[in-house]
Protein backbone atom coordinates (compact mmCIF):
# COMPACT_ATOMS: atom_id res chain seq x y z
CA MET A 1 17.89 159.54 168.08
CA THR A 2 14.43 158.01 166.41
CA VAL A 3 11.80 161.08 166.05
CA PRO A 4 8.22 160.40 164.55
CA HIS A 5 7.15 161.45 161.20
CA PRO A 6 4.15 163.88 161.84
CA SER A 7 1.45 161.97 159.83
CA ASP A 8 2.44 158.88 162.06
CA THR A 9 1.42 160.97 165.48
CA PRO A 10 -2.35 160.98 166.17
CA ALA A 11 -3.84 164.33 166.02
CA THR A 12 -4.83 164.18 169.34
CA SER A 13 -1.10 164.81 170.69
CA GLN A 14 0.24 167.76 168.87
CA SER A 15 -2.11 169.68 170.61
CA THR A 16 1.06 171.38 172.41
CA ALA A 17 1.69 174.59 171.16
CA PRO A 18 4.86 175.38 169.06
CA LEU A 19 7.81 175.92 170.39
CA ARG A 20 10.77 177.75 169.27
CA VAL A 21 13.50 175.26 168.85
CA VAL A 22 17.27 175.91 168.63
CA LEU A 23 18.75 172.90 166.66
CA GLY A 24 22.66 173.24 167.27
CA VAL A 25 24.37 171.19 164.64
CA GLY A 26 28.12 169.85 165.27
CA GLY A 27 30.42 168.84 162.90
CA GLY A 28 30.22 165.68 162.28
CA ILE A 29 29.07 163.41 159.25
CA ALA A 30 26.01 163.15 161.10
CA ALA A 31 25.02 166.50 160.25
CA TYR A 32 23.19 165.91 157.15
CA LYS A 33 20.83 164.10 159.20
CA ALA A 34 19.51 167.56 160.98
CA ALA A 35 18.17 168.36 157.85
CA LEU A 36 15.92 166.07 158.20
CA LEU A 37 15.14 166.71 162.04
CA THR A 38 14.67 170.70 160.81
CA ARG A 39 11.73 169.11 158.47
CA LEU A 40 10.01 166.94 160.93
CA PHE A 41 10.09 170.20 163.81
CA THR A 42 9.28 172.28 161.07
CA GLU A 43 6.21 170.23 159.66
CA ALA A 44 5.15 169.30 163.26
CA GLY A 45 4.47 173.21 163.58
CA HIS A 46 7.82 174.13 165.49
CA HIS A 47 9.99 177.33 164.65
CA VAL A 48 13.35 176.46 164.20
CA VAL A 49 16.85 178.39 164.67
CA PRO A 50 19.42 176.74 163.08
CA MET A 51 22.59 176.90 164.70
CA PRO A 52 25.33 175.03 162.97
CA THR A 53 29.21 175.54 164.25
CA ALA A 54 31.60 175.97 161.77
CA ALA A 55 32.38 172.29 161.23
CA ALA A 56 28.96 171.77 160.80
CA LEU A 57 28.86 174.37 157.81
CA GLU A 58 31.89 171.68 156.28
CA PHE A 59 29.23 169.34 155.66
CA VAL A 60 25.89 171.65 155.16
CA GLY A 61 26.19 174.66 153.88
CA ALA A 62 24.58 177.56 155.36
CA PRO A 63 21.91 177.73 152.16
CA THR A 64 20.52 174.60 152.99
CA TRP A 65 19.76 175.62 156.74
CA GLU A 66 18.41 178.99 155.38
CA ALA A 67 16.25 177.58 153.08
CA LEU A 68 14.78 175.29 155.55
CA THR A 69 13.49 177.64 157.96
CA GLY A 70 14.03 181.20 156.70
CA GLU A 71 16.40 181.93 159.34
CA PRO A 72 19.89 183.87 158.63
CA VAL A 73 23.06 181.54 159.81
CA SER A 74 25.67 182.50 162.02
CA THR A 75 28.13 180.28 163.96
CA SER A 76 30.19 183.67 165.51
CA VAL A 77 28.72 185.75 168.50
CA PHE A 78 30.02 188.89 166.88
CA ASP A 79 27.39 188.62 164.24
CA ARG A 80 23.86 190.56 165.21
CA VAL A 81 25.86 192.02 168.22
CA ASP A 82 23.04 194.57 168.19
CA THR A 83 20.80 191.97 169.57
CA VAL A 84 23.08 190.48 171.16
CA ASN A 85 22.48 187.25 169.23
CA HIS A 86 23.27 184.22 171.43
CA VAL A 87 21.59 185.81 174.95
CA SER A 88 18.17 186.65 172.84
CA GLN A 89 18.75 183.02 171.11
CA GLY A 90 19.10 181.52 174.37
CA GLN A 91 16.48 183.29 176.07
CA GLN A 92 13.69 182.85 173.24
CA ALA A 93 14.45 179.06 173.30
CA ASP A 94 11.89 176.55 174.56
CA LEU A 95 14.14 173.69 173.41
CA VAL A 96 17.63 173.31 172.57
CA VAL A 97 18.78 170.18 170.18
CA ILE A 98 22.21 169.06 169.44
CA ALA A 99 22.11 166.97 166.85
CA PRO A 100 24.57 165.70 165.92
CA ALA A 101 26.74 166.57 169.48
CA THR A 102 30.16 165.83 168.54
CA ALA A 103 32.84 164.66 171.64
CA ASP A 104 33.96 168.36 170.71
CA LEU A 105 30.80 169.93 171.41
CA MET A 106 29.71 167.93 174.58
CA ALA A 107 32.65 168.09 176.08
CA LYS A 108 32.76 172.15 175.64
CA ILE A 109 28.94 172.12 177.01
CA ALA A 110 29.98 169.81 180.31
CA HIS A 111 32.95 172.03 181.33
CA GLY A 112 31.05 175.12 180.31
CA LEU A 113 33.08 176.36 177.29
CA ALA A 114 31.86 178.85 174.82
CA ASP A 115 33.64 179.93 171.85
CA ASP A 116 31.12 179.84 168.94
CA LEU A 117 27.19 181.06 168.51
CA LEU A 118 26.23 177.78 169.83
CA THR A 119 27.82 177.17 173.05
CA THR A 120 27.45 180.73 174.01
CA THR A 121 23.43 180.27 173.29
CA VAL A 122 23.38 177.15 175.51
CA LEU A 123 24.76 178.87 178.43
CA ALA A 124 22.78 181.82 177.65
CA SER A 125 19.67 179.46 177.96
CA ARG A 126 17.64 178.06 180.82
CA ALA A 127 15.48 175.84 178.16
CA PRO A 128 15.99 172.18 178.32
CA VAL A 129 19.07 170.90 176.58
CA VAL A 130 18.83 167.93 174.25
CA LEU A 131 21.85 166.06 173.24
CA ALA A 132 22.03 163.22 170.72
CA PRO A 133 25.61 161.93 170.76
CA ALA A 134 27.16 161.09 167.34
CA MET A 135 30.67 159.74 166.79
CA HIS A 136 32.60 157.02 165.49
CA THR A 137 32.48 153.66 167.69
CA GLU A 138 35.96 154.04 168.19
CA MET A 139 35.57 157.36 169.49
CA CYS A 140 33.05 156.79 171.88
CA SER A 141 34.35 153.93 173.51
CA THR A 142 37.32 155.31 174.96
CA PRO A 143 36.77 156.73 178.67
CA PRO A 144 37.14 160.67 177.69
CA PRO A 145 33.38 161.05 175.52
CA ASP A 146 32.44 158.60 178.16
CA ALA A 147 33.24 160.84 181.35
CA THR A 148 32.03 163.41 179.19
CA TRP A 149 28.72 162.15 178.96
CA ARG A 150 28.43 161.39 182.54
CA CYS A 151 28.94 165.10 183.29
CA CYS A 152 27.35 166.49 180.60
CA VAL A 153 24.21 164.31 182.43
CA SER A 154 25.29 164.74 186.58
CA THR A 155 25.41 168.26 185.59
CA ALA A 156 21.45 168.75 183.83
CA THR A 157 19.77 170.89 185.82
CA ARG A 158 17.06 171.92 182.94
């Protein structure tokens, strides 16, 4: 995924309202790149809600996401249950971006499986979902991830 730096974008194209972006981060080595994506969204004036998976936190810790966004980080639907966090975050999102989208995350999303804060938020949201697949070429060149990707594309309704 190539995202232009805000200073490379003409001022006239920045006239859109700020978005509330749920940034899902999958548990792969590419998780560190989502920190840059967070900075770019923030510099462009958007509000970023980080939603890493537990595996993603093995690569980039919660303090990094909290420092970059000012938002608390959680992976569990059992945190902040008084707000029904996965539903409220899903309803408030203008855009859901999942980068990196690991094979595991894409399979869960394609088949409607929801076992953590990110995947339940995706199910609860009506916002557009952008997937940035990231996996080793040996993994993505096998039939299961290809079929999963086609399933994600064919079931995309938002």
